[in-house]
Structures are given as C-alpha cells and as structure tokens.
Amino acid sequence: MFDRQHIRHAFGRAADTYAGAAGLQREVEDWLLESLMYLDDTVPGTVVDLGSGPGRATVEMRRRWPKARVVAIDMALPMLQRIDPRAGGGIARGLGLRPGIDRVCADAAALPLADGTVDVLFSNLCLQWVEDLQATFAGFRRVLRPGGLLLLSTFGHDTLHELRESFAQADDAPHVSPFVTIADLGDALMHAGFRDPVLDREVLVRGYDDVPALMRELRALGATNALAGRRRTLTGRARFARAAEAYDALRGGDGKLPASWEVITAMTWAPAPGAPIRMGGEEVISFPANRIPVRKR
C-alpha cells in the first residue's frame, strides 16, 4: 500500500520544518506523556520512542527516567540527527548514571531489537504509515518484556476526510492515505496477543485559509501522499481548482476551511510468555519444543 522509500525521503526533507509545524503532534504527544504517570512507581530499564522525529518526547522520557536506557528510533536519519544524543543527560552524568540517548535508524515494522528487552514502547503518530498493523504489533510484543507497556497514538479513519472527499470530486486518483478504524486497531492488538487494551478516540478540527495552506503544512510535516498507487505526476491546475472549489463549499462561519484529525490512543501491556495469539478466530499458543517432556523407556 505504501511507498516506504517515499515516506523516508519525505520525513527526511521535513526534518528542518517539522518542529515548527507540529502543533497538533505535540498536543497528542503531551496526552501520551501524561499517561506515563501509571509508571510513577516503577523505573524502566529500557524505553523506546518509536517514530521519534526530532525527539521531543525522547528527551522528556530521558529526564523522567535518568537511570533508564532511552532509545530513539526513526526511519528518517535526518530526524534522528536533530536529537542531541547528550540531551537530558546533564544530571545523569553528574550522578554517575547512564548518560544520553541512543539513536537507531530503523522501520517500525522491523525493529532491530532483541526479544524481551523493552519495558516501555512509546509511539506518537507513527503507525498511520504502517499497512500491516497485526504483524507490526506482533513485533512490538516480541521486543517487550512481559508486563511491558505499549503506549501509542495514530490517526483514525475520519482524518482529513474533507480533503479526501474534495479531491475525489476532481479525479479518481488517491490523494489521501487510508487510516485505520478504532475497531480495527483494537482487533490488531488483540490478535497480536496484547490483553485488555484501553483505547480512546478524539476528533480535532483545525481551520485553514485555503487548500494550499493545508498542503504546505502537510509537506512541512513530511505527511505527503505516500500511497504506492498515487499519481506520479503533479496534480494539474484544473484538477486542483476543482478540488479547491469542492472544499470551499465546506468553509465554516469563521471563514476557515475545516480539516479533521481523528486521533486514536491506546494503552496496553505485553502478556506473559506463552500467552495465546488469535489466528483465524482461534487462540494459538506457541512454546519451545524442548519444553515438551519426553519419557524414555
């Protein structure tokens, strides 16, 4: 569904402009950071910020847990290069604790981490670029320790529906990525073996002067059309004008064009080893063959 190379290049290009355009992303990130209060009585050993971008949340978690190993993972190397590896480590160095932040350039769908090594997996607005959520969540379960926390946010199905519907009146080419429903996200977590996930949904509406203003912000965030089946040529003036005219009919009483962002957040914990994974409506348990007792005659 997605062109992974295009996503990597788009976010790499946006490394210089992302922080200035990411107001909504910071708001959602703050929601997730507040949820870390559930861990106030624990000191995690390893914390991962997946899809870290320029590392705002990474630095905050480094300050929260100066004894932990904090790892920033992003598929765009220029984003990781915006993170000072020493960030948040001044106090830690003075106390003889673990300094700095580790940075890893990798894809969320193929984490280069050992099994059962992560205590907190934090991911803010990254998973909308992943097409196989069930397989990705299985990878999350693999790297989390039993009882480890998975805390994530992603954009839901109604995100940018105004833009999608306006361009649909201009041509048949896809211009906006499809987004997951809250039900599908919950099912993917359960299929991967996570238990009792807590999911929330919030719709935020932002106003823009015109369609080019919205498109400029999306480009500054790196959120361009990354569908593998997208039109590879520039959208012609006539098609763009038809889409803008259709969108203009939605202009609100404040004179702004509305753009909806459906935000889904989820909190769940990794199960104990051997917990079942749902496959085809059944729960399947796997365990090492060497644990099968064999009676010798």
C-alpha atoms as a PDB file:
ATOM      1  CA  MET A   1       0.000   0.000   0.000  1.00  0.00           C
ATOM      2  CA  PHE A   2       2.719   2.491   0.992  1.00  0.00           C
ATOM      3  CA  ASP A   3       5.939   3.521  -0.726  1.00  0.00           C
ATOM      4  CA  ARG A   4       8.385   3.128   2.174  1.00  0.00           C
ATOM      5  CA  GLN A   5      11.226   4.903   0.371  1.00  0.00           C
ATOM      6  CA  HIS A   6       8.980   7.876  -0.339  1.00  0.00           C
ATOM      7  CA  ILE A   7       7.976   8.077   3.348  1.00  0.00           C
ATOM      8  CA  ARG A   8      11.627   8.007   4.422  1.00  0.00           C
ATOM      9  CA  HIS A   9      12.595  10.764   1.986  1.00  0.00           C
ATOM     10  CA  ALA A  10       9.559  12.926   2.828  1.00  0.00           C
ATOM     11  CA  PHE A  11      10.281  12.898   6.545  1.00  0.00           C
ATOM     12  CA  GLY A  12      13.968  13.391   5.912  1.00  0.00           C
ATOM     13  CA  ARG A  13      13.191  16.536   3.906  1.00  0.00           C
ATOM     14  CA  ALA A  14      10.865  17.746   6.659  1.00  0.00           C
ATOM     15  CA  ALA A  15      13.461  17.490   9.444  1.00  0.00           C
ATOM     16  CA  ASP A  16      14.118  21.257   9.351  1.00  0.00           C
ATOM     17  CA  THR A  17      10.444  22.291   9.261  1.00  0.00           C
ATOM     18  CA  TYR A  18       8.736  19.607  11.341  1.00  0.00           C
ATOM     19  CA  ALA A  19       9.060  21.225  14.775  1.00  0.00           C
ATOM     20  CA  GLY A  20       7.554  24.494  13.584  1.00  0.00           C
ATOM     21  CA  ALA A  21       4.511  22.807  12.007  1.00  0.00           C
ATOM     22  CA  ALA A  22       3.827  20.037  14.510  1.00  0.00           C
ATOM     23  CA  GLY A  23       1.433  21.797  16.890  1.00  0.00           C
ATOM     24  CA  LEU A  24      -1.165  19.019  16.749  1.00  0.00           C
ATOM     25  CA  GLN A  25       1.524  16.349  17.027  1.00  0.00           C
ATOM     26  CA  ARG A  26       2.863  18.000  20.198  1.00  0.00           C
ATOM     27  CA  GLU A  27      -0.638  18.170  21.681  1.00  0.00           C
ATOM     28  CA  VAL A  28      -1.202  14.447  21.161  1.00  0.00           C
ATOM     29  CA  GLU A  29       2.317  13.698  22.386  1.00  0.00           C
ATOM     30  CA  ASP A  30       1.523  15.516  25.629  1.00  0.00           C
ATOM     31  CA  TRP A  31      -1.534  13.285  26.106  1.00  0.00           C
ATOM     32  CA  LEU A  32       0.691  10.219  25.905  1.00  0.00           C
ATOM     33  CA  LEU A  33       3.347  11.681  28.185  1.00  0.00           C
ATOM     34  CA  GLU A  34       0.681  12.361  30.815  1.00  0.00           C
ATOM     35  CA  SER A  35      -0.283   8.684  30.658  1.00  0.00           C
ATOM     36  CA  LEU A  36       3.198   7.736  31.849  1.00  0.00           C
ATOM     37  CA  MET A  37       2.022   8.616  35.359  1.00  0.00           C
ATOM     38  CA  TYR A  38       0.884   4.981  35.547  1.00  0.00           C
ATOM     39  CA  LEU A  39       4.577   4.109  35.809  1.00  0.00           C
ATOM     40  CA  ASP A  40       5.462   6.569  38.572  1.00  0.00           C
ATOM     41  CA  ASP A  41       6.197   3.713  40.975  1.00  0.00           C
ATOM     42  CA  THR A  42       8.457   1.849  38.555  1.00  0.00           C
ATOM     43  CA  VAL A  43      11.846   2.512  36.994  1.00  0.00           C
ATOM     44  CA  PRO A  44      12.024   1.001  33.494  1.00  0.00           C
ATOM     45  CA  GLY A  45      15.306  -0.398  32.281  1.00  0.00           C
ATOM     46  CA  THR A  46      14.837   0.351  28.572  1.00  0.00           C
ATOM     47  CA  VAL A  47      12.485   2.879  26.992  1.00  0.00           C
ATOM     48  CA  VAL A  48      11.922   3.178  23.220  1.00  0.00           C
ATOM     49  CA  ASP A  49      10.471   6.208  21.421  1.00  0.00           C
ATOM     50  CA  LEU A  50       9.352   4.741  18.091  1.00  0.00           C
ATOM     51  CA  GLY A  51       8.900   7.260  15.290  1.00  0.00           C
ATOM     52  CA  SER A  52      10.701   9.775  17.459  1.00  0.00           C
ATOM     53  CA  GLY A  53      11.018  12.539  14.871  1.00  0.00           C
ATOM     54  CA  PRO A  54      13.251  15.285  16.290  1.00  0.00           C
ATOM     55  CA  GLY A  55      12.998  13.700  19.731  1.00  0.00           C
ATOM     56  CA  ARG A  56      10.840  15.958  21.889  1.00  0.00           C
ATOM     57  CA  ALA A  57       9.237  13.021  23.738  1.00  0.00           C
ATOM     58  CA  THR A  58      12.547  11.155  23.802  1.00  0.00           C
ATOM     59  CA  VAL A  59      14.188  13.971  25.753  1.00  0.00           C
ATOM     60  CA  GLU A  60      11.228  14.206  28.139  1.00  0.00           C
ATOM     61  CA  MET A  61      11.402  10.479  28.931  1.00  0.00           C
ATOM     62  CA  ARG A  62      15.170  10.745  29.360  1.00  0.00           C
ATOM     63  CA  ARG A  63      14.595  13.403  32.011  1.00  0.00           C
ATOM     64  CA  ARG A  64      11.835  11.384  33.648  1.00  0.00           C
ATOM     65  CA  TRP A  65      13.963   8.257  33.938  1.00  0.00           C
ATOM     66  CA  PRO A  66      17.655   9.208  34.205  1.00  0.00           C
ATOM     67  CA  LYS A  67      18.620   5.634  35.095  1.00  0.00           C
ATOM     68  CA  ALA A  68      16.958   4.092  32.051  1.00  0.00           C
ATOM     69  CA  ARG A  69      18.386   3.378  28.650  1.00  0.00           C
ATOM     70  CA  VAL A  70      16.385   5.590  26.269  1.00  0.00           C
ATOM     71  CA  VAL A  71      16.370   4.715  22.555  1.00  0.00           C
ATOM     72  CA  ALA A  72      15.022   6.936  19.762  1.00  0.00           C
ATOM     73  CA  ILE A  73      14.026   5.027  16.613  1.00  0.00           C
ATOM     74  CA  ASP A  74      13.012   6.695  13.357  1.00  0.00           C
ATOM     75  CA  MET A  75      13.187   5.622   9.720  1.00  0.00           C
ATOM     76  CA  ALA A  76      14.378   9.105   8.631  1.00  0.00           C
ATOM     77  CA  LEU A  77      18.027   9.649   9.542  1.00  0.00           C
ATOM     78  CA  PRO A  78      17.830  13.484   9.315  1.00  0.00           C
ATOM     79  CA  MET A  79      15.171  13.427  12.046  1.00  0.00           C
ATOM     80  CA  LEU A  80      17.460  11.457  14.353  1.00  0.00           C
ATOM     81  CA  GLN A  81      20.281  13.868  13.613  1.00  0.00           C
ATOM     82  CA  ARG A  82      18.169  16.662  15.171  1.00  0.00           C
ATOM     83  CA  ILE A  83      18.347  14.885  18.538  1.00  0.00           C
ATOM     84  CA  ASP A  84      21.305  15.788  20.713  1.00  0.00           C
ATOM     85  CA  PRO A  85      22.489  12.363  21.986  1.00  0.00           C
ATOM     86  CA  ARG A  86      23.508  14.096  25.220  1.00  0.00           C
ATOM     87  CA  ALA A  87      20.057  15.664  25.694  1.00  0.00           C
ATOM     88  CA  GLY A  88      18.669  15.338  29.187  1.00  0.00           C
ATOM     89  CA  GLY A  89      21.872  13.697  30.356  1.00  0.00           C
ATOM     90  CA  GLY A  90      23.494  16.514  32.318  1.00  0.00           C
ATOM     91  CA  ILE A  91      22.040  15.488  35.674  1.00  0.00           C
ATOM     92  CA  ALA A  92      22.648  11.839  34.913  1.00  0.00           C
ATOM     93  CA  ARG A  93      26.318  12.439  34.173  1.00  0.00           C
ATOM     94  CA  GLY A  94      26.680  14.353  37.430  1.00  0.00           C
ATOM     95  CA  LEU A  95      25.167  11.461  39.374  1.00  0.00           C
ATOM     96  CA  GLY A  96      27.177   8.830  37.557  1.00  0.00           C
ATOM     97  CA  LEU A  97      24.037   7.442  35.889  1.00  0.00           C
ATOM     98  CA  ARG A  98      23.506   6.405  32.290  1.00  0.00           C
ATOM     99  CA  PRO A  99      24.075   9.441  30.018  1.00  0.00           C
ATOM    100  CA  GLY A 100      22.367  10.481  26.834  1.00  0.00           C
ATOM    101  CA  ILE A 101      20.109   8.951  24.216  1.00  0.00           C
ATOM    102  CA  ASP A 102      20.750   6.096  21.808  1.00  0.00           C
ATOM    103  CA  ARG A 103      19.578   6.727  18.223  1.00  0.00           C
ATOM    104  CA  VAL A 104      18.645   3.962  15.785  1.00  0.00           C
ATOM    105  CA  CYS A 105      17.537   4.413  12.165  1.00  0.00           C
ATOM    106  CA  ALA A 106      15.017   1.636  11.534  1.00  0.00           C
ATOM    107  CA  ASP A 107      11.490   0.830  10.391  1.00  0.00           C
ATOM    108  CA  ALA A 108       8.655   0.299  12.888  1.00  0.00           C
ATOM    109  CA  ALA A 109       7.668  -2.837  11.010  1.00  0.00           C
ATOM    110  CA  ALA A 110      11.098  -4.476  11.541  1.00  0.00           C
ATOM    111  CA  LEU A 111      12.516  -3.479  14.916  1.00  0.00           C
ATOM    112  CA  PRO A 112      16.210  -4.377  15.277  1.00  0.00           C
ATOM    113  CA  LEU A 113      15.814  -5.144  18.994  1.00  0.00           C
ATOM    114  CA  ALA A 114      16.319  -8.343  20.936  1.00  0.00           C
ATOM    115  CA  ASP A 115      13.367 -10.298  22.321  1.00  0.00           C
ATOM    116  CA  GLY A 116      12.016  -9.208  25.688  1.00  0.00           C
ATOM    117  CA  THR A 117      14.322  -6.227  26.200  1.00  0.00           C
ATOM    118  CA  VAL A 118      11.959  -3.212  26.288  1.00  0.00           C
ATOM    119  CA  ASP A 119       9.966  -2.018  29.299  1.00  0.00           C
ATOM    120  CA  VAL A 120       8.166   0.938  27.677  1.00  0.00           C
ATOM    121  CA  LEU A 121       7.378   1.255  23.960  1.00  0.00           C
ATOM    122  CA  PHE A 122       6.119   4.766  23.176  1.00  0.00           C
ATOM    123  CA  SER A 123       4.920   5.714  19.698  1.00  0.00           C
ATOM    124  CA  ASN A 124       3.261   9.004  18.788  1.00  0.00           C
ATOM    125  CA  LEU A 125       1.530   9.361  15.396  1.00  0.00           C
ATOM    126  CA  CYS A 126       3.815   6.958  13.568  1.00  0.00           C
ATOM    127  CA  LEU A 127       1.685   3.890  12.865  1.00  0.00           C
ATOM    128  CA  GLN A 128      -0.546   5.501  10.238  1.00  0.00           C
ATOM    129  CA  TRP A 129       2.326   4.770   7.834  1.00  0.00           C
ATOM    130  CA  VAL A 130       2.223   1.023   8.615  1.00  0.00           C
ATOM    131  CA  GLU A 131      -0.088  -1.127   6.495  1.00  0.00           C
ATOM    132  CA  ASP A 132       0.118  -4.455   8.374  1.00  0.00           C
ATOM    133  CA  LEU A 133      -0.685  -3.475  11.954  1.00  0.00           C
ATOM    134  CA  GLN A 134      -1.137  -7.029  13.174  1.00  0.00           C
ATOM    135  CA  ALA A 135       2.366  -8.063  12.086  1.00  0.00           C
ATOM    136  CA  THR A 136       3.829  -4.830  13.467  1.00  0.00           C
ATOM    137  CA  PHE A 137       2.126  -5.348  16.835  1.00  0.00           C
ATOM    138  CA  ALA A 138       3.463  -8.912  16.888  1.00  0.00           C
ATOM    139  CA  GLY A 139       6.931  -7.349  16.585  1.00  0.00           C
ATOM    140  CA  PHE A 140       6.118  -4.995  19.456  1.00  0.00           C
ATOM    141  CA  ARG A 141       5.062  -7.920  21.607  1.00  0.00           C
ATOM    142  CA  ARG A 142       8.285  -9.730  20.744  1.00  0.00           C
ATOM    143  CA  VAL A 143      10.561  -6.923  21.976  1.00  0.00           C
ATOM    144  CA  LEU A 144       8.520  -6.026  25.079  1.00  0.00           C
ATOM    145  CA  ARG A 145       9.179  -7.746  28.370  1.00  0.00           C
ATOM    146  CA  PRO A 146       6.159  -9.480  29.945  1.00  0.00           C
ATOM    147  CA  GLY A 147       4.161  -6.710  31.559  1.00  0.00           C
ATOM    148  CA  GLY A 148       5.892  -4.060  29.465  1.00  0.00           C
ATOM    149  CA  LEU A 149       3.825  -1.033  28.485  1.00  0.00           C
ATOM    150  CA  LEU A 150       2.802  -0.182  24.909  1.00  0.00           C
ATOM    151  CA  LEU A 151       1.575   3.403  24.620  1.00  0.00           C
ATOM    152  CA  LEU A 152       0.668   4.673  21.166  1.00  0.00           C
ATOM    153  CA  SER A 153      -1.341   7.114  19.102  1.00  0.00           C
ATOM    154  CA  THR A 154      -2.289   7.096  15.445  1.00  0.00           C
ATOM    155  CA  PHE A 155      -4.667   8.858  13.085  1.00  0.00           C
ATOM    156  CA  GLY A 156      -8.073   7.276  12.581  1.00  0.00           C
ATOM    157  CA  HIS A 157     -10.388   6.720   9.642  1.00  0.00           C
ATOM    158  CA  ASP A 158     -12.027  10.182   9.641  1.00  0.00           C
ATOM    159  CA  THR A 159      -8.733  12.059   9.403  1.00  0.00           C
ATOM    160  CA  LEU A 160      -8.693  14.608   6.556  1.00  0.00           C
ATOM    161  CA  HIS A 161     -11.965  13.262   5.208  1.00  0.00           C
ATOM    162  CA  GLU A 162     -12.791  16.733   3.869  1.00  0.00           C
ATOM    163  CA  LEU A 163      -9.619  16.786   1.765  1.00  0.00           C
ATOM    164  CA  ARG A 164     -10.167  13.217   0.569  1.00  0.00           C
ATOM    165  CA  GLU A 165     -13.757  13.866  -0.489  1.00  0.00           C
ATOM    166  CA  SER A 166     -12.861  17.135  -2.232  1.00  0.00           C
ATOM    167  CA  PHE A 167     -10.146  15.531  -4.354  1.00  0.00           C
ATOM    168  CA  ALA A 168     -12.496  12.619  -5.117  1.00  0.00           C
ATOM    169  CA  GLN A 169     -14.658  15.130  -6.980  1.00  0.00           C
ATOM    170  CA  ALA A 170     -11.653  16.204  -9.076  1.00  0.00           C
ATOM    171  CA  ASP A 171     -10.272  12.819 -10.217  1.00  0.00           C
ATOM    172  CA  ASP A 172     -10.133   9.123  -9.357  1.00  0.00           C
ATOM    173  CA  ALA A 173      -6.524   9.050  -8.140  1.00  0.00           C
ATOM    174  CA  PRO A 174      -5.931   8.588  -4.370  1.00  0.00           C
ATOM    175  CA  HIS A 175      -4.642  11.764  -2.718  1.00  0.00           C
ATOM    176  CA  VAL A 176      -5.067  10.963   0.984  1.00  0.00           C
ATOM    177  CA  SER A 177      -3.883   7.814   2.742  1.00  0.00           C
ATOM    178  CA  PRO A 178      -6.492   5.488   4.252  1.00  0.00           C
ATOM    179  CA  PHE A 179      -6.473   5.391   8.043  1.00  0.00           C
ATOM    180  CA  VAL A 180      -7.399   2.632  10.476  1.00  0.00           C
ATOM    181  CA  THR A 181     -10.677   2.466  12.391  1.00  0.00           C
ATOM    182  CA  ILE A 182     -10.581   2.240  16.173  1.00  0.00           C
ATOM    183  CA  ALA A 183     -12.187  -1.220  15.962  1.00  0.00           C
ATOM    184  CA  ASP A 184      -9.510  -2.499  13.564  1.00  0.00           C
ATOM    185  CA  LEU A 185      -6.748  -1.100  15.769  1.00  0.00           C
ATOM    186  CA  GLY A 186      -8.159  -2.856  18.820  1.00  0.00           C
ATOM    187  CA  ASP A 187      -8.546  -6.110  16.881  1.00  0.00           C
ATOM    188  CA  ALA A 188      -4.936  -5.926  15.673  1.00  0.00           C
ATOM    189  CA  LEU A 189      -3.713  -5.513  19.254  1.00  0.00           C
ATOM    190  CA  MET A 190      -5.786  -8.465  20.444  1.00  0.00           C
ATOM    191  CA  HIS A 191      -4.701 -10.653  17.516  1.00  0.00           C
ATOM    192  CA  ALA A 192      -1.056  -9.911  18.394  1.00  0.00           C
ATOM    193  CA  GLY A 193      -1.650 -11.189  21.928  1.00  0.00           C
ATOM    194  CA  PHE A 194      -1.981  -7.928  23.862  1.00  0.00           C
ATOM    195  CA  ARG A 195      -4.642  -8.074  26.540  1.00  0.00           C
ATOM    196  CA  ASP A 196      -7.165  -5.547  27.867  1.00  0.00           C
ATOM    197  CA  PRO A 197      -6.132  -2.581  25.686  1.00  0.00           C
ATOM    198  CA  VAL A 198      -7.621   0.783  26.646  1.00  0.00           C
ATOM    199  CA  LEU A 199      -8.458   2.846  23.538  1.00  0.00           C
ATOM    200  CA  ASP A 200      -9.675   6.426  23.255  1.00  0.00           C
ATOM    201  CA  ARG A 201     -10.836   8.481  20.277  1.00  0.00           C
ATOM    202  CA  GLU A 202     -10.791  12.255  19.866  1.00  0.00           C
ATOM    203  CA  VAL A 203     -11.573  14.370  16.800  1.00  0.00           C
ATOM    204  CA  LEU A 204      -9.672  17.645  16.490  1.00  0.00           C
ATOM    205  CA  VAL A 205     -10.658  20.178  13.841  1.00  0.00           C
ATOM    206  CA  ARG A 206      -8.202  22.783  12.600  1.00  0.00           C
ATOM    207  CA  GLY A 207      -9.042  25.734  10.324  1.00  0.00           C
ATOM    208  CA  TYR A 208      -7.062  26.839   7.248  1.00  0.00           C
ATOM    209  CA  ASP A 209      -7.327  29.860   4.979  1.00  0.00           C
ATOM    210  CA  ASP A 210      -7.288  27.747   1.831  1.00  0.00           C
ATOM    211  CA  VAL A 211      -6.236  24.382   0.443  1.00  0.00           C
ATOM    212  CA  PRO A 212      -2.637  25.469  -0.363  1.00  0.00           C
ATOM    213  CA  ALA A 213      -2.172  26.451   3.310  1.00  0.00           C
ATOM    214  CA  LEU A 214      -3.209  22.964   4.417  1.00  0.00           C
ATOM    215  CA  MET A 215      -0.980  21.334   1.799  1.00  0.00           C
ATOM    216  CA  ARG A 216       2.011  23.440   2.881  1.00  0.00           C
ATOM    217  CA  GLU A 217       1.573  22.328   6.475  1.00  0.00           C
ATOM    218  CA  LEU A 218       1.333  18.671   5.477  1.00  0.00           C
ATOM    219  CA  ARG A 219       4.507  18.988   3.436  1.00  0.00           C
ATOM    220  CA  ALA A 220       6.307  20.714   6.337  1.00  0.00           C
ATOM    221  CA  LEU A 221       5.359  17.711   8.494  1.00  0.00           C
ATOM    222  CA  GLY A 222       6.502  15.199   5.878  1.00  0.00           C
ATOM    223  CA  ALA A 223       2.910  13.954   5.586  1.00  0.00           C
ATOM    224  CA  THR A 224       2.709  13.833   1.799  1.00  0.00           C
ATOM    225  CA  ASN A 225       0.842  11.278  -0.296  1.00  0.00           C
ATOM    226  CA  ALA A 226       2.871   8.084   0.114  1.00  0.00           C
ATOM    227  CA  LEU A 227       0.475   5.603  -1.458  1.00  0.00           C
ATOM    228  CA  ALA A 228       2.167   3.247  -3.877  1.00  0.00           C
ATOM    229  CA  GLY A 229      -0.714   3.825  -6.306  1.00  0.00           C
ATOM    230  CA  ARG A 230      -0.557   7.620  -6.172  1.00  0.00           C
ATOM    231  CA  ARG A 231      -0.334   9.739  -9.311  1.00  0.00           C
ATOM    232  CA  ARG A 232       3.386  10.179 -10.054  1.00  0.00           C
ATOM    233  CA  THR A 233       2.914  13.494 -11.886  1.00  0.00           C
ATOM    234  CA  LEU A 234       1.933  16.856 -10.433  1.00  0.00           C
ATOM    235  CA  THR A 235      -1.754  17.459  -9.878  1.00  0.00           C
ATOM    236  CA  GLY A 236      -2.843  19.649 -12.776  1.00  0.00           C
ATOM    237  CA  ARG A 237      -4.193  23.147 -12.186  1.00  0.00           C
ATOM    238  CA  ALA A 238      -7.656  22.197 -13.407  1.00  0.00           C
ATOM    239  CA  ARG A 239      -7.936  19.193 -11.067  1.00  0.00           C
ATOM    240  CA  PHE A 240      -6.560  21.173  -8.134  1.00  0.00           C
ATOM    241  CA  ALA A 241      -9.017  24.005  -8.852  1.00  0.00           C
ATOM    242  CA  ARG A 242     -11.955  21.535  -8.878  1.00  0.00           C
ATOM    243  CA  ALA A 243     -10.834  20.064  -5.559  1.00  0.00           C
ATOM    244  CA  ALA A 244     -10.378  23.527  -4.030  1.00  0.00           C
ATOM    245  CA  GLU A 245     -13.841  24.559  -5.222  1.00  0.00           C
ATOM    246  CA  ALA A 246     -15.406  21.462  -3.670  1.00  0.00           C
ATOM    247  CA  TYR A 247     -13.530  22.064  -0.414  1.00  0.00           C
ATOM    248  CA  ASP A 248     -14.567  25.719  -0.352  1.00  0.00           C
ATOM    249  CA  ALA A 249     -18.207  24.665  -0.005  1.00  0.00           C
ATOM    250  CA  LEU A 250     -17.287  23.380   3.481  1.00  0.00           C
ATOM    251  CA  ARG A 251     -15.950  26.732   4.697  1.00  0.00           C
ATOM    252  CA  GLY A 252     -17.275  27.483   8.183  1.00  0.00           C
ATOM    253  CA  GLY A 253     -18.751  30.567   9.764  1.00  0.00           C
ATOM    254  CA  ASP A 254     -15.279  31.706  10.809  1.00  0.00           C
ATOM    255  CA  GLY A 255     -14.242  31.773   7.145  1.00  0.00           C
ATOM    256  CA  LYS A 256     -11.852  28.840   7.583  1.00  0.00           C
ATOM    257  CA  LEU A 257     -11.686  25.507   5.782  1.00  0.00           C
ATOM    258  CA  PRO A 258     -12.092  22.690   8.328  1.00  0.00           C
ATOM    259  CA  ALA A 259      -9.610  19.815   8.457  1.00  0.00           C
ATOM    260  CA  SER A 260     -10.488  16.941  10.789  1.00  0.00           C
ATOM    261  CA  TRP A 261      -7.918  14.823  12.599  1.00  0.00           C
ATOM    262  CA  GLU A 262      -9.267  11.708  14.292  1.00  0.00           C
ATOM    263  CA  VAL A 263      -6.740  10.721  16.955  1.00  0.00           C
ATOM    264  CA  ILE A 264      -6.781   7.221  18.453  1.00  0.00           C
ATOM    265  CA  THR A 265      -4.699   6.479  21.546  1.00  0.00           C
ATOM    266  CA  ALA A 266      -4.102   3.071  23.058  1.00  0.00           C
ATOM    267  CA  MET A 267      -2.503   1.741  26.210  1.00  0.00           C
ATOM    268  CA  THR A 268      -1.899  -1.950  26.728  1.00  0.00           C
ATOM    269  CA  TRP A 269       0.556  -4.332  28.337  1.00  0.00           C
ATOM    270  CA  ALA A 270       2.539  -7.216  26.928  1.00  0.00           C
ATOM    271  CA  PRO A 271       1.344 -10.644  28.059  1.00  0.00           C
ATOM    272  CA  ALA A 272       3.335 -13.307  29.842  1.00  0.00           C
ATOM    273  CA  PRO A 273       5.358 -15.775  27.741  1.00  0.00           C
ATOM    274  CA  GLY A 274       3.174 -18.400  26.086  1.00  0.00           C
ATOM    275  CA  ALA A 275       0.050 -16.227  26.066  1.00  0.00           C
ATOM    276  CA  PRO A 276      -2.115 -17.099  23.047  1.00  0.00           C
ATOM    277  CA  ILE A 277      -2.270 -15.175  19.786  1.00  0.00           C
ATOM    278  CA  ARG A 278      -5.565 -15.057  17.905  1.00  0.00           C
ATOM    279  CA  MET A 279      -5.409 -16.634  14.454  1.00  0.00           C
ATOM    280  CA  GLY A 280      -8.482 -17.244  12.313  1.00  0.00           C
ATOM    281  CA  GLY A 281     -10.852 -16.872  15.241  1.00  0.00           C
ATOM    282  CA  GLU A 282      -8.874 -19.297  17.422  1.00  0.00           C
ATOM    283  CA  GLU A 283      -6.231 -18.700  20.063  1.00  0.00           C
ATOM    284  CA  VAL A 284      -2.907 -20.365  19.321  1.00  0.00           C
ATOM    285  CA  ILE A 285      -0.215 -20.889  21.937  1.00  0.00           C
ATOM    286  CA  SER A 286       3.410 -21.453  20.956  1.00  0.00           C
ATOM    287  CA  PHE A 287       6.268 -22.676  23.131  1.00  0.00           C
ATOM    288  CA  PRO A 288       9.751 -24.114  22.586  1.00  0.00           C
ATOM    289  CA  ALA A 289       9.729 -27.773  21.544  1.00  0.00           C
ATOM    290  CA  ASN A 290      12.475 -28.553  24.081  1.00  0.00           C
ATOM    291  CA  ARG A 291       9.953 -27.868  26.842  1.00  0.00           C
ATOM    292  CA  ILE A 292       7.902 -30.927  25.845  1.00  0.00           C
ATOM    293  CA  PRO A 293       8.649 -33.635  28.396  1.00  0.00           C
ATOM    294  CA  VAL A 294       9.809 -36.904  26.823  1.00  0.00           C
ATOM    295  CA  ARG A 295       9.719 -40.119  28.850  1.00  0.00           C
ATOM    296  CA  LYS A 296      12.479 -42.515  27.919  1.00  0.00           C
ATOM    297  CA  ARG A 297      11.898 -46.253  28.126  1.00  0.00           C
END
